[in-house]
N, C-alpha and C. Protein backbone atom coordinates (compact mmCIF):
# COMPACT_ATOMS: atom_id res chain seq x y z
N MET A 1 -237.00 -46.26 141.59
CA MET A 1 -237.74 -45.61 140.52
C MET A 1 -236.94 -45.73 139.22
N VAL A 2 -237.61 -46.07 138.17
CA VAL A 2 -236.99 -46.22 136.86
C VAL A 2 -236.96 -44.86 136.17
N SER A 3 -235.86 -44.56 135.48
CA SER A 3 -235.74 -43.27 134.81
C SER A 3 -236.05 -43.40 133.32
N CYS A 4 -236.32 -42.28 132.68
CA CYS A 4 -236.60 -42.29 131.25
C CYS A 4 -235.37 -42.69 130.44
N THR A 5 -234.18 -42.50 131.00
CA THR A 5 -232.97 -42.93 130.29
C THR A 5 -232.84 -44.45 130.31
N GLN A 6 -233.45 -45.09 131.27
CA GLN A 6 -233.44 -46.55 131.33
C GLN A 6 -234.50 -47.16 130.41
N THR A 7 -235.67 -46.53 130.36
CA THR A 7 -236.78 -47.08 129.56
C THR A 7 -236.76 -46.59 128.12
N GLY A 8 -236.15 -45.41 127.90
CA GLY A 8 -236.16 -44.82 126.57
C GLY A 8 -237.49 -44.19 126.21
N GLU A 9 -238.34 -43.99 127.21
CA GLU A 9 -239.69 -43.46 126.97
C GLU A 9 -239.94 -42.19 127.77
N THR A 10 -240.87 -41.39 127.28
CA THR A 10 -241.33 -40.21 128.01
C THR A 10 -242.11 -40.68 129.23
N MET A 11 -241.94 -39.96 130.34
CA MET A 11 -242.66 -40.35 131.55
C MET A 11 -242.96 -39.14 132.42
N LEU A 12 -243.89 -39.33 133.34
CA LEU A 12 -244.22 -38.33 134.34
C LEU A 12 -243.65 -38.78 135.67
N THR A 13 -243.13 -37.83 136.44
CA THR A 13 -242.63 -38.15 137.77
C THR A 13 -243.79 -38.20 138.75
N LYS A 14 -243.52 -38.70 139.93
CA LYS A 14 -244.48 -38.57 141.02
C LYS A 14 -244.49 -37.10 141.42
N THR A 15 -245.56 -36.67 142.05
CA THR A 15 -245.62 -35.28 142.50
C THR A 15 -244.61 -35.05 143.61
N TYR A 16 -244.13 -33.80 143.68
CA TYR A 16 -243.20 -33.41 144.73
C TYR A 16 -243.33 -31.92 144.97
N VAL A 17 -242.76 -31.43 146.05
CA VAL A 17 -242.83 -30.02 146.39
C VAL A 17 -241.58 -29.33 145.83
N ALA A 18 -241.79 -28.31 145.00
CA ALA A 18 -240.68 -27.57 144.41
C ALA A 18 -239.98 -26.74 145.48
N ALA A 19 -238.67 -26.87 145.55
CA ALA A 19 -237.89 -26.14 146.55
C ALA A 19 -237.98 -24.63 146.33
N SER A 20 -238.10 -24.21 145.08
CA SER A 20 -238.08 -22.78 144.77
C SER A 20 -239.41 -22.07 145.05
N THR A 21 -240.53 -22.82 144.96
CA THR A 21 -241.84 -22.18 145.10
C THR A 21 -242.67 -22.73 146.26
N GLY A 22 -242.35 -23.95 146.69
CA GLY A 22 -243.15 -24.58 147.73
C GLY A 22 -244.45 -25.17 147.20
N LYS A 23 -244.65 -25.12 145.87
CA LYS A 23 -245.86 -25.66 145.26
C LYS A 23 -245.66 -27.13 144.90
N THR A 24 -246.77 -27.86 144.84
CA THR A 24 -246.73 -29.25 144.42
C THR A 24 -246.70 -29.29 142.90
N ILE A 25 -245.71 -30.01 142.36
CA ILE A 25 -245.53 -30.09 140.91
C ILE A 25 -245.25 -31.54 140.51
N LEU A 26 -245.21 -31.75 139.21
CA LEU A 26 -244.69 -32.98 138.64
C LEU A 26 -243.88 -32.59 137.42
N SER A 27 -243.05 -33.50 136.95
CA SER A 27 -242.22 -33.23 135.80
C SER A 27 -242.52 -34.23 134.69
N ALA A 28 -242.56 -33.74 133.46
CA ALA A 28 -242.64 -34.60 132.28
C ALA A 28 -241.24 -34.62 131.69
N VAL A 29 -240.67 -35.81 131.49
CA VAL A 29 -239.29 -35.93 131.02
C VAL A 29 -239.21 -36.93 129.87
N THR A 30 -238.29 -36.66 128.95
CA THR A 30 -238.09 -37.56 127.82
C THR A 30 -236.61 -37.60 127.46
N PRO A 31 -236.12 -38.77 127.09
CA PRO A 31 -234.71 -38.87 126.73
C PRO A 31 -234.45 -38.29 125.34
N VAL A 32 -233.23 -37.82 125.13
CA VAL A 32 -232.79 -37.31 123.83
C VAL A 32 -231.72 -38.27 123.31
N PHE A 33 -231.87 -38.70 122.08
CA PHE A 33 -230.96 -39.69 121.49
C PHE A 33 -230.11 -39.08 120.38
N ASP A 34 -228.91 -39.62 120.19
CA ASP A 34 -228.08 -39.22 119.06
C ASP A 34 -228.37 -40.15 117.88
N GLU A 35 -227.62 -39.97 116.81
CA GLU A 35 -227.85 -40.75 115.59
C GLU A 35 -227.57 -42.25 115.77
N LYS A 36 -226.87 -42.62 116.83
CA LYS A 36 -226.60 -44.04 117.12
C LYS A 36 -227.58 -44.60 118.14
N ASN A 37 -228.63 -43.85 118.43
CA ASN A 37 -229.67 -44.23 119.39
C ASN A 37 -229.13 -44.34 120.82
N THR A 38 -228.10 -43.57 121.12
CA THR A 38 -227.55 -43.50 122.47
C THR A 38 -228.16 -42.30 123.18
N VAL A 39 -228.56 -42.48 124.43
CA VAL A 39 -229.13 -41.36 125.20
C VAL A 39 -228.01 -40.36 125.47
N VAL A 40 -228.23 -39.11 125.06
CA VAL A 40 -227.24 -38.06 125.26
C VAL A 40 -227.73 -36.97 126.21
N GLY A 41 -228.97 -37.06 126.64
CA GLY A 41 -229.51 -36.06 127.56
C GLY A 41 -230.97 -36.32 127.85
N VAL A 42 -231.54 -35.41 128.61
CA VAL A 42 -232.95 -35.49 128.99
C VAL A 42 -233.54 -34.09 128.88
N VAL A 43 -234.74 -34.01 128.35
CA VAL A 43 -235.48 -32.75 128.30
C VAL A 43 -236.70 -32.91 129.20
N GLY A 44 -236.99 -31.89 129.98
CA GLY A 44 -238.13 -31.98 130.87
C GLY A 44 -238.80 -30.65 131.10
N ILE A 45 -239.99 -30.73 131.64
CA ILE A 45 -240.74 -29.53 132.00
C ILE A 45 -241.46 -29.81 133.32
N ASP A 46 -241.46 -28.80 134.18
CA ASP A 46 -242.18 -28.89 135.45
C ASP A 46 -243.55 -28.25 135.29
N VAL A 47 -244.56 -28.92 135.83
CA VAL A 47 -245.93 -28.42 135.74
C VAL A 47 -246.53 -28.41 137.14
N GLY A 48 -247.03 -27.25 137.54
CA GLY A 48 -247.68 -27.13 138.84
C GLY A 48 -249.04 -27.80 138.82
N LEU A 49 -249.38 -28.52 139.88
CA LEU A 49 -250.69 -29.17 139.92
C LEU A 49 -251.81 -28.15 139.92
N ASP A 50 -251.55 -26.95 140.42
CA ASP A 50 -252.58 -25.92 140.36
C ASP A 50 -252.90 -25.57 138.91
N THR A 51 -251.91 -25.65 138.04
CA THR A 51 -252.11 -25.41 136.61
C THR A 51 -252.90 -26.55 135.98
N VAL A 52 -252.53 -27.77 136.32
CA VAL A 52 -253.22 -28.94 135.76
C VAL A 52 -254.69 -28.92 136.15
N MET A 53 -254.98 -28.52 137.36
CA MET A 53 -256.36 -28.54 137.84
C MET A 53 -257.24 -27.47 137.20
N THR A 54 -256.65 -26.49 136.52
CA THR A 54 -257.45 -25.44 135.87
C THR A 54 -257.71 -25.73 134.40
N VAL A 55 -257.11 -26.78 133.86
CA VAL A 55 -257.33 -27.13 132.45
C VAL A 55 -258.71 -27.76 132.34
N PRO A 56 -259.55 -27.25 131.44
CA PRO A 56 -260.91 -27.80 131.31
C PRO A 56 -260.87 -29.26 130.88
N TYR A 57 -261.75 -30.06 131.46
CA TYR A 57 -261.86 -31.47 131.11
C TYR A 57 -262.91 -31.63 130.03
N THR A 58 -262.54 -32.26 128.94
CA THR A 58 -263.48 -32.55 127.87
C THR A 58 -263.48 -34.06 127.65
N PRO A 59 -264.56 -34.74 127.98
CA PRO A 59 -264.58 -36.19 127.79
C PRO A 59 -264.53 -36.55 126.32
N LEU A 60 -263.86 -37.65 126.04
CA LEU A 60 -263.74 -38.15 124.68
C LEU A 60 -265.04 -38.88 124.32
N THR A 61 -265.62 -38.51 123.19
CA THR A 61 -266.84 -39.17 122.73
C THR A 61 -266.48 -40.05 121.54
N LEU A 62 -266.71 -41.34 121.68
CA LEU A 62 -266.42 -42.27 120.60
C LEU A 62 -267.67 -42.52 119.78
N PRO A 63 -267.49 -42.67 118.48
CA PRO A 63 -268.68 -42.96 117.64
C PRO A 63 -269.25 -44.33 117.97
N THR A 64 -270.55 -44.45 117.88
CA THR A 64 -271.21 -45.74 118.10
C THR A 64 -271.52 -46.38 116.76
N SER A 65 -271.36 -47.69 116.71
CA SER A 65 -271.68 -48.37 115.45
C SER A 65 -272.68 -49.46 115.66
C-alpha cells in the first residue's frame, strides 16, 4: 500500500475495524510539508462508516447547453 508521504497527496485508507470501538472506519490522511517541501508529518481523521452512511446524498446537476 502506498502512503500519503510517498505520493504527497491526500488519500483515504481502506476500511478497517477500529480496535477501540469495534466499528468499521476509514481514515482520511494528508501529508504536512515544511517550507522546503519536505514531509514533516501527517494529519488524519477517522470516520465511521455508520456516519458516512447517514450523510444525505444530493446528486450533482449539471447545466445543459
